[in-house]
Amino acid sequence: MAKVVMYSTMFCPFCAHAKRLLAQKGVDYEEIDVDMTPGGRQEMMARAGGRTSVPQIFIDETHVGGCDELFALEQNGKLDPMLHAA
């Protein structure tokens, strides 16, 4: 199973939506709350090419983007292969 990292905030509805999809798929992921983790927002911005919105989701080292991009991968049948890549 691929390593999934999600940068999020506590009260973000898009973050909650993305978390639900990952939970439905049985995916364990590392969550980094950018408001509660010192340097978390700066780390997220550096990894995500300057993006400041949450969530920012990474599967292994691939930057997926946010909630909309995660659901687009799911809709196009591309999410499962990414999650189950060796």
PDB file of N, CA and C in Angstrom:
ATOM      1  N   MET A   1       0.854  -1.178   0.000  1.00  0.00           N
ATOM      2  CA  MET A   1       0.000   0.000   0.000  1.00  0.00           C
ATOM      3  C   MET A   1       0.896   1.235   0.000  1.00  0.00           C
ATOM      4  N   ALA A   2       0.518   2.213  -0.770  1.00  0.00           N
ATOM      5  CA  ALA A   2       1.271   3.457  -0.884  1.00  0.00           C
ATOM      6  C   ALA A   2       1.171   4.262   0.409  1.00  0.00           C
ATOM      7  N   LYS A   3       2.147   5.120   0.645  1.00  0.00           N
ATOM      8  CA  LYS A   3       2.117   6.026   1.785  1.00  0.00           C
ATOM      9  C   LYS A   3       1.333   7.266   1.378  1.00  0.00           C
ATOM     10  N   VAL A   4       0.320   7.601   2.178  1.00  0.00           N
ATOM     11  CA  VAL A   4      -0.518   8.763   1.895  1.00  0.00           C
ATOM     12  C   VAL A   4      -0.317   9.783   3.007  1.00  0.00           C
ATOM     13  N   VAL A   5      -0.072  11.023   2.609  1.00  0.00           N
ATOM     14  CA  VAL A   5       0.068  12.133   3.550  1.00  0.00           C
ATOM     15  C   VAL A   5      -0.936  13.202   3.156  1.00  0.00           C
ATOM     16  N   MET A   6      -1.690  13.676   4.150  1.00  0.00           N
ATOM     17  CA  MET A   6      -2.662  14.737   3.902  1.00  0.00           C
ATOM     18  C   MET A   6      -2.383  15.901   4.854  1.00  0.00           C
ATOM     19  N   TYR A   7      -2.157  17.064   4.275  1.00  0.00           N
ATOM     20  CA  TYR A   7      -2.056  18.289   5.052  1.00  0.00           C
ATOM     21  C   TYR A   7      -3.463  18.853   5.166  1.00  0.00           C
ATOM     22  N   SER A   8      -3.873  19.181   6.389  1.00  0.00           N
ATOM     23  CA  SER A   8      -5.259  19.579   6.610  1.00  0.00           C
ATOM     24  C   SER A   8      -5.356  20.590   7.746  1.00  0.00           C
ATOM     25  N   THR A   9      -6.588  21.008   8.011  1.00  0.00           N
ATOM     26  CA  THR A   9      -6.918  21.778   9.208  1.00  0.00           C
ATOM     27  C   THR A   9      -8.147  21.138   9.842  1.00  0.00           C
ATOM     28  N   MET A  10      -8.377  21.482  11.090  1.00  0.00           N
ATOM     29  CA  MET A  10      -9.419  20.814  11.854  1.00  0.00           C
ATOM     30  C   MET A  10     -10.829  21.049  11.314  1.00  0.00           C
ATOM     31  N   PHE A  11     -11.133  22.250  10.883  1.00  0.00           N
ATOM     32  CA  PHE A  11     -12.511  22.590  10.507  1.00  0.00           C
ATOM     33  C   PHE A  11     -12.711  22.746   9.008  1.00  0.00           C
ATOM     34  N   CYS A  12     -11.967  22.013   8.231  1.00  0.00           N
ATOM     35  CA  CYS A  12     -12.025  22.106   6.768  1.00  0.00           C
ATOM     36  C   CYS A  12     -12.988  21.053   6.227  1.00  0.00           C
ATOM     37  N   PRO A  13     -14.101  21.466   5.604  1.00  0.00           N
ATOM     38  CA  PRO A  13     -15.042  20.478   5.073  1.00  0.00           C
ATOM     39  C   PRO A  13     -14.459  19.661   3.917  1.00  0.00           C
ATOM     40  N   PHE A  14     -13.591  20.250   3.127  1.00  0.00           N
ATOM     41  CA  PHE A  14     -12.966  19.517   2.025  1.00  0.00           C
ATOM     42  C   PHE A  14     -12.015  18.450   2.560  1.00  0.00           C
ATOM     43  N   CYS A  15     -11.336  18.765   3.651  1.00  0.00           N
ATOM     44  CA  CYS A  15     -10.457  17.786   4.305  1.00  0.00           C
ATOM     45  C   CYS A  15     -11.284  16.607   4.802  1.00  0.00           C
ATOM     46  N   ALA A  16     -12.406  16.912   5.454  1.00  0.00           N
ATOM     47  CA  ALA A  16     -13.283  15.859   5.981  1.00  0.00           C
ATOM     48  C   ALA A  16     -13.794  14.962   4.852  1.00  0.00           C
ATOM     49  N   HIS A  17     -14.133  15.558   3.730  1.00  0.00           N
ATOM     50  CA  HIS A  17     -14.636  14.806   2.576  1.00  0.00           C
ATOM     51  C   HIS A  17     -13.553  13.862   2.039  1.00  0.00           C
ATOM     52  N   ALA A  18     -12.335  14.373   1.917  1.00  0.00           N
ATOM     53  CA  ALA A  18     -11.217  13.558   1.431  1.00  0.00           C
ATOM     54  C   ALA A  18     -10.913  12.429   2.415  1.00  0.00           C
ATOM     55  N   LYS A  19     -10.953  12.727   3.721  1.00  0.00           N
ATOM     56  CA  LYS A  19     -10.703  11.706   4.741  1.00  0.00           C
ATOM     57  C   LYS A  19     -11.742  10.589   4.657  1.00  0.00           C
ATOM     58  N   ARG A  20     -12.995  10.953   4.416  1.00  0.00           N
ATOM     59  CA  ARG A  20     -14.050   9.939   4.299  1.00  0.00           C
ATOM     60  C   ARG A  20     -13.781   8.995   3.132  1.00  0.00           C
ATOM     61  N   LEU A  21     -13.373   9.549   1.994  1.00  0.00           N
ATOM     62  CA  LEU A  21     -13.076   8.700   0.838  1.00  0.00           C
ATOM     63  C   LEU A  21     -11.932   7.740   1.159  1.00  0.00           C
ATOM     64  N   LEU A  22     -10.876   8.246   1.756  1.00  0.00           N
ATOM     65  CA  LEU A  22      -9.748   7.384   2.094  1.00  0.00           C
ATOM     66  C   LEU A  22     -10.154   6.322   3.110  1.00  0.00           C
ATOM     67  N   ALA A  23     -10.987   6.697   4.086  1.00  0.00           N
ATOM     68  CA  ALA A  23     -11.462   5.733   5.088  1.00  0.00           C
ATOM     69  C   ALA A  23     -12.316   4.647   4.435  1.00  0.00           C
ATOM     70  N   GLN A  24     -13.167   5.039   3.490  1.00  0.00           N
ATOM     71  CA  GLN A  24     -14.000   4.061   2.785  1.00  0.00           C
ATOM     72  C   GLN A  24     -13.144   3.051   2.032  1.00  0.00           C
ATOM     73  N   LYS A  25     -11.990   3.484   1.596  1.00  0.00           N
ATOM     74  CA  LYS A  25     -11.084   2.608   0.857  1.00  0.00           C
ATOM     75  C   LYS A  25     -10.152   1.842   1.789  1.00  0.00           C
ATOM     76  N   GLY A  26     -10.260   2.085   3.101  1.00  0.00           N
ATOM     77  CA  GLY A  26      -9.411   1.392   4.067  1.00  0.00           C
ATOM     78  C   GLY A  26      -7.970   1.847   4.045  1.00  0.00           C
ATOM     79  N   VAL A  27      -7.747   3.093   3.655  1.00  0.00           N
ATOM     80  CA  VAL A  27      -6.396   3.626   3.524  1.00  0.00           C
ATOM     81  C   VAL A  27      -5.964   4.289   4.827  1.00  0.00           C
ATOM     82  N   ASP A  28      -4.825   3.852   5.344  1.00  0.00           N
ATOM     83  CA  ASP A  28      -4.200   4.554   6.463  1.00  0.00           C
ATOM     84  C   ASP A  28      -3.421   5.718   5.877  1.00  0.00           C
ATOM     85  N   TYR A  29      -3.500   6.851   6.534  1.00  0.00           N
ATOM     86  CA  TYR A  29      -2.778   8.015   6.032  1.00  0.00           C
ATOM     87  C   TYR A  29      -2.233   8.813   7.199  1.00  0.00           C
ATOM     88  N   GLU A  30      -1.185   9.544   6.913  1.00  0.00           N
ATOM     89  CA  GLU A  30      -0.604  10.456   7.892  1.00  0.00           C
ATOM     90  C   GLU A  30      -1.269  11.809   7.687  1.00  0.00           C
ATOM     91  N   GLU A  31      -1.809  12.352   8.758  1.00  0.00           N
ATOM     92  CA  GLU A  31      -2.447  13.664   8.680  1.00  0.00           C
ATOM     93  C   GLU A  31      -1.576  14.685   9.397  1.00  0.00           C
ATOM     94  N   ILE A  32      -1.304  15.778   8.716  1.00  0.00           N
ATOM     95  CA  ILE A  32      -0.532  16.860   9.299  1.00  0.00           C
ATOM     96  C   ILE A  32      -1.435  18.078   9.359  1.00  0.00           C
ATOM     97  N   ASP A  33      -1.848  18.456  10.572  1.00  0.00           N
ATOM     98  CA  ASP A  33      -2.686  19.634  10.777  1.00  0.00           C
ATOM     99  C   ASP A  33      -1.772  20.855  10.701  1.00  0.00           C
ATOM    100  N   VAL A  34      -1.922  21.650   9.656  1.00  0.00           N
ATOM    101  CA  VAL A  34      -1.000  22.760   9.418  1.00  0.00           C
ATOM    102  C   VAL A  34      -1.171  23.896  10.424  1.00  0.00           C
ATOM    103  N   ASP A  35      -2.292  23.918  11.148  1.00  0.00           N
ATOM    104  CA  ASP A  35      -2.487  24.933  12.185  1.00  0.00           C
ATOM    105  C   ASP A  35      -1.859  24.519  13.507  1.00  0.00           C
ATOM    106  N   MET A  36      -1.734  23.221  13.730  1.00  0.00           N
ATOM    107  CA  MET A  36      -1.254  22.717  15.017  1.00  0.00           C
ATOM    108  C   MET A  36       0.193  22.215  14.972  1.00  0.00           C
ATOM    109  N   THR A  37       0.725  22.007  13.786  1.00  0.00           N
ATOM    110  CA  THR A  37       2.084  21.476  13.636  1.00  0.00           C
ATOM    111  C   THR A  37       3.038  22.615  13.308  1.00  0.00           C
ATOM    112  N   PRO A  38       3.990  22.909  14.201  1.00  0.00           N
ATOM    113  CA  PRO A  38       4.952  23.972  13.903  1.00  0.00           C
ATOM    114  C   PRO A  38       5.656  23.724  12.571  1.00  0.00           C
ATOM    115  N   GLY A  39       5.606  24.700  11.698  1.00  0.00           N
ATOM    116  CA  GLY A  39       6.237  24.588  10.383  1.00  0.00           C
ATOM    117  C   GLY A  39       5.440  23.772   9.381  1.00  0.00           C
ATOM    118  N   GLY A  40       4.274  23.272   9.774  1.00  0.00           N
ATOM    119  CA  GLY A  40       3.483  22.417   8.902  1.00  0.00           C
ATOM    120  C   GLY A  40       3.014  23.104   7.636  1.00  0.00           C
ATOM    121  N   ARG A  41       2.553  24.341   7.767  1.00  0.00           N
ATOM    122  CA  ARG A  41       2.068  25.055   6.583  1.00  0.00           C
ATOM    123  C   ARG A  41       3.216  25.347   5.621  1.00  0.00           C
ATOM    124  N   GLN A  42       4.365  25.732   6.156  1.00  0.00           N
ATOM    125  CA  GLN A  42       5.524  26.011   5.301  1.00  0.00           C
ATOM    126  C   GLN A  42       5.987  24.736   4.592  1.00  0.00           C
ATOM    127  N   GLU A  43       5.980  23.610   5.314  1.00  0.00           N
ATOM    128  CA  GLU A  43       6.352  22.335   4.706  1.00  0.00           C
ATOM    129  C   GLU A  43       5.381  21.974   3.577  1.00  0.00           C
ATOM    130  N   MET A  44       4.078  22.142   3.856  1.00  0.00           N
ATOM    131  CA  MET A  44       3.065  21.849   2.846  1.00  0.00           C
ATOM    132  C   MET A  44       3.279  22.710   1.609  1.00  0.00           C
ATOM    133  N   MET A  45       3.481  24.006   1.807  1.00  0.00           N
ATOM    134  CA  MET A  45       3.658  24.914   0.677  1.00  0.00           C
ATOM    135  C   MET A  45       4.893  24.547  -0.138  1.00  0.00           C
ATOM    136  N   ALA A  46       5.968  24.152   0.534  1.00  0.00           N
ATOM    137  CA  ALA A  46       7.192  23.763  -0.175  1.00  0.00           C
ATOM    138  C   ALA A  46       6.958  22.504  -1.004  1.00  0.00           C
ATOM    139  N   ARG A  47       6.251  21.533  -0.438  1.00  0.00           N
ATOM    140  CA  ARG A  47       6.003  20.276  -1.155  1.00  0.00           C
ATOM    141  C   ARG A  47       4.966  20.447  -2.257  1.00  0.00           C
ATOM    142  N   ALA A  48       4.001  21.366  -2.051  1.00  0.00           N
ATOM    143  CA  ALA A  48       2.867  21.510  -2.973  1.00  0.00           C
ATOM    144  C   ALA A  48       3.054  22.662  -3.955  1.00  0.00           C
ATOM    145  N   GLY A  49       4.263  23.065  -4.190  1.00  0.00           N
ATOM    146  CA  GLY A  49       4.525  24.095  -5.189  1.00  0.00           C
ATOM    147  C   GLY A  49       3.931  25.453  -4.850  1.00  0.00           C
ATOM    148  N   GLY A  50       3.876  25.783  -3.559  1.00  0.00           N
ATOM    149  CA  GLY A  50       3.382  27.090  -3.145  1.00  0.00           C
ATOM    150  C   GLY A  50       1.897  27.144  -2.827  1.00  0.00           C
ATOM    151  N   ARG A  51       1.189  26.075  -3.029  1.00  0.00           N
ATOM    152  CA  ARG A  51      -0.251  26.068  -2.727  1.00  0.00           C
ATOM    153  C   ARG A  51      -0.469  26.247  -1.236  1.00  0.00           C
ATOM    154  N   THR A  52      -1.474  27.047  -0.894  1.00  0.00           N
ATOM    155  CA  THR A  52      -1.748  27.356   0.508  1.00  0.00           C
ATOM    156  C   THR A  52      -3.055  26.757   1.013  1.00  0.00           C
ATOM    157  N   SER A  53      -3.880  26.242   0.117  1.00  0.00           N
ATOM    158  CA  SER A  53      -5.181  25.700   0.525  1.00  0.00           C
ATOM    159  C   SER A  53      -5.038  24.261   1.017  1.00  0.00           C
ATOM    160  N   VAL A  54      -5.973  23.870   1.864  1.00  0.00           N
ATOM    161  CA  VAL A  54      -6.015  22.499   2.344  1.00  0.00           C
ATOM    162  C   VAL A  54      -7.291  21.843   1.861  1.00  0.00           C
ATOM    163  N   PRO A  55      -7.301  20.534   1.686  1.00  0.00           N
ATOM    164  CA  PRO A  55      -6.172  19.642   1.899  1.00  0.00           C
ATOM    165  C   PRO A  55      -5.193  19.670   0.726  1.00  0.00           C
ATOM    166  N   GLN A  56      -3.982  19.269   1.030  1.00  0.00           N
ATOM    167  CA  GLN A  56      -2.989  18.950   0.010  1.00  0.00           C
ATOM    168  C   GLN A  56      -2.612  17.505   0.273  1.00  0.00           C
ATOM    169  N   ILE A  57      -2.764  16.666  -0.735  1.00  0.00           N
ATOM    170  CA  ILE A  57      -2.650  15.220  -0.571  1.00  0.00           C
ATOM    171  C   ILE A  57      -1.507  14.692  -1.434  1.00  0.00           C
ATOM    172  N   PHE A  58      -0.719  13.803  -0.811  1.00  0.00           N
ATOM    173  CA  PHE A  58       0.404  13.162  -1.493  1.00  0.00           C
ATOM    174  C   PHE A  58       0.232  11.655  -1.393  1.00  0.00           C
ATOM    175  N   ILE A  59       0.413  10.968  -2.497  1.00  0.00           N
ATOM    176  CA  ILE A  59       0.444   9.509  -2.513  1.00  0.00           C
ATOM    177  C   ILE A  59       1.858   9.133  -2.915  1.00  0.00           C
ATOM    178  N   ASP A  60       2.545   8.488  -1.990  1.00  0.00           N
ATOM    179  CA  ASP A  60       3.993   8.314  -2.081  1.00  0.00           C
ATOM    180  C   ASP A  60       4.584   9.707  -2.294  1.00  0.00           C
ATOM    181  N   GLU A  61       5.330   9.939  -3.309  1.00  0.00           N
ATOM    182  CA  GLU A  61       5.909  11.276  -3.519  1.00  0.00           C
ATOM    183  C   GLU A  61       5.125  12.083  -4.550  1.00  0.00           C
ATOM    184  N   THR A  62       4.009  11.547  -5.030  1.00  0.00           N
ATOM    185  CA  THR A  62       3.206  12.236  -6.035  1.00  0.00           C
ATOM    186  C   THR A  62       2.230  13.193  -5.372  1.00  0.00           C
ATOM    187  N   HIS A  63       2.277  14.448  -5.770  1.00  0.00           N
ATOM    188  CA  HIS A  63       1.337  15.444  -5.266  1.00  0.00           C
ATOM    189  C   HIS A  63       0.034  15.297  -6.045  1.00  0.00           C
ATOM    190  N   VAL A  64      -0.996  14.832  -5.344  1.00  0.00           N
ATOM    191  CA  VAL A  64      -2.304  14.637  -5.963  1.00  0.00           C
ATOM    192  C   VAL A  64      -3.019  15.968  -6.118  1.00  0.00           C
ATOM    193  N   GLY A  65      -2.888  16.821  -5.120  1.00  0.00           N
ATOM    194  CA  GLY A  65      -3.612  18.093  -5.087  1.00  0.00           C
ATOM    195  C   GLY A  65      -4.579  18.078  -3.925  1.00  0.00           C
ATOM    196  N   GLY A  66      -5.749  18.641  -4.135  1.00  0.00           N
ATOM    197  CA  GLY A  66      -6.747  18.747  -3.085  1.00  0.00           C
ATOM    198  C   GLY A  66      -7.854  17.724  -3.211  1.00  0.00           C
ATOM    199  N   CYS A  67      -8.952  18.017  -2.540  1.00  0.00           N
ATOM    200  CA  CYS A  67     -10.101  17.118  -2.501  1.00  0.00           C
ATOM    201  C   CYS A  67     -10.664  16.864  -3.901  1.00  0.00           C
ATOM    202  N   ASP A  68     -10.837  17.909  -4.683  1.00  0.00           N
ATOM    203  CA  ASP A  68     -11.402  17.746  -6.030  1.00  0.00           C
ATOM    204  C   ASP A  68     -10.539  16.828  -6.887  1.00  0.00           C
ATOM    205  N   GLU A  69      -9.235  16.993  -6.797  1.00  0.00           N
ATOM    206  CA  GLU A  69      -8.327  16.161  -7.588  1.00  0.00           C
ATOM    207  C   GLU A  69      -8.361  14.708  -7.113  1.00  0.00           C
ATOM    208  N   LEU A  70      -8.481  14.509  -5.789  1.00  0.00           N
ATOM    209  CA  LEU A  70      -8.582  13.150  -5.255  1.00  0.00           C
ATOM    210  C   LEU A  70      -9.831  12.458  -5.787  1.00  0.00           C
ATOM    211  N   PHE A  71     -10.966  13.171  -5.777  1.00  0.00           N
ATOM    212  CA  PHE A  71     -12.204  12.577  -6.276  1.00  0.00           C
ATOM    213  C   PHE A  71     -12.181  12.390  -7.785  1.00  0.00           C
ATOM    214  N   ALA A  72     -11.473  13.252  -8.506  1.00  0.00           N
ATOM    215  CA  ALA A  72     -11.338  13.071  -9.959  1.00  0.00           C
ATOM    216  C   ALA A  72     -10.558  11.795 -10.253  1.00  0.00           C
ATOM    217  N   LEU A  73      -9.501  11.529  -9.480  1.00  0.00           N
ATOM    218  CA  LEU A  73      -8.764  10.279  -9.655  1.00  0.00           C
ATOM    219  C   LEU A  73      -9.669   9.083  -9.409  1.00  0.00           C
ATOM    220  N   GLU A  74     -10.492   9.167  -8.363  1.00  0.00           N
ATOM    221  CA  GLU A  74     -11.421   8.083  -8.046  1.00  0.00           C
ATOM    222  C   GLU A  74     -12.410   7.881  -9.188  1.00  0.00           C
ATOM    223  N   GLN A  75     -12.983   8.966  -9.677  1.00  0.00           N
ATOM    224  CA  GLN A  75     -13.987   8.888 -10.744  1.00  0.00           C
ATOM    225  C   GLN A  75     -13.406   8.302 -12.021  1.00  0.00           C
ATOM    226  N   ASN A  76     -12.136   8.596 -12.279  1.00  0.00           N
ATOM    227  CA  ASN A  76     -11.490   8.118 -13.503  1.00  0.00           C
ATOM    228  C   ASN A  76     -10.818   6.755 -13.342  1.00  0.00           C
ATOM    229  N   GLY A  77     -11.010   6.125 -12.165  1.00  0.00           N
ATOM    230  CA  GLY A  77     -10.441   4.798 -11.944  1.00  0.00           C
ATOM    231  C   GLY A  77      -8.941   4.782 -11.743  1.00  0.00           C
ATOM    232  N   LYS A  78      -8.352   5.922 -11.402  1.00  0.00           N
ATOM    233  CA  LYS A  78      -6.901   6.001 -11.258  1.00  0.00           C
ATOM    234  C   LYS A  78      -6.427   5.995  -9.807  1.00  0.00           C
ATOM    235  N   LEU A  79      -7.361   6.170  -8.861  1.00  0.00           N
ATOM    236  CA  LEU A  79      -6.946   6.252  -7.460  1.00  0.00           C
ATOM    237  C   LEU A  79      -6.480   4.898  -6.923  1.00  0.00           C
ATOM    238  N   ASP A  80      -7.264   3.854  -7.132  1.00  0.00           N
ATOM    239  CA  ASP A  80      -6.900   2.539  -6.600  1.00  0.00           C
ATOM    240  C   ASP A  80      -5.526   2.073  -7.084  1.00  0.00           C
ATOM    241  N   PRO A  81      -5.202   2.196  -8.376  1.00  0.00           N
ATOM    242  CA  PRO A  81      -3.865   1.785  -8.799  1.00  0.00           C
ATOM    243  C   PRO A  81      -2.753   2.577  -8.099  1.00  0.00           C
ATOM    244  N   MET A  82      -2.995   3.860  -7.850  1.00  0.00           N
ATOM    245  CA  MET A  82      -1.983   4.657  -7.146  1.00  0.00           C
ATOM    246  C   MET A  82      -1.833   4.187  -5.704  1.00  0.00           C
ATOM    247  N   LEU A  83      -2.953   3.880  -5.063  1.00  0.00           N
ATOM    248  CA  LEU A  83      -2.922   3.473  -3.657  1.00  0.00           C
ATOM    249  C   LEU A  83      -2.290   2.093  -3.474  1.00  0.00           C
ATOM    250  N   HIS A  84      -2.432   1.243  -4.474  1.00  0.00           N
ATOM    251  CA  HIS A  84      -1.962  -0.126  -4.346  1.00  0.00           C
ATOM    252  C   HIS A  84      -0.656  -0.385  -5.094  1.00  0.00           C
ATOM    253  N   ALA A  85      -0.013   0.677  -5.550  1.00  0.00           N
ATOM    254  CA  ALA A  85       1.275   0.519  -6.232  1.00  0.00           C
ATOM    255  C   ALA A  85       2.313  -0.007  -5.239  1.00  0.00           C
ATOM    256  N   ALA A  86       3.202  -0.811  -5.726  1.00  0.00           N
ATOM    257  CA  ALA A  86       4.224  -1.414  -4.850  1.00  0.00           C
ATOM    258  C   ALA A  86       5.259  -0.406  -4.437  1.00  0.00           C
TER     259      ALA A  86
END
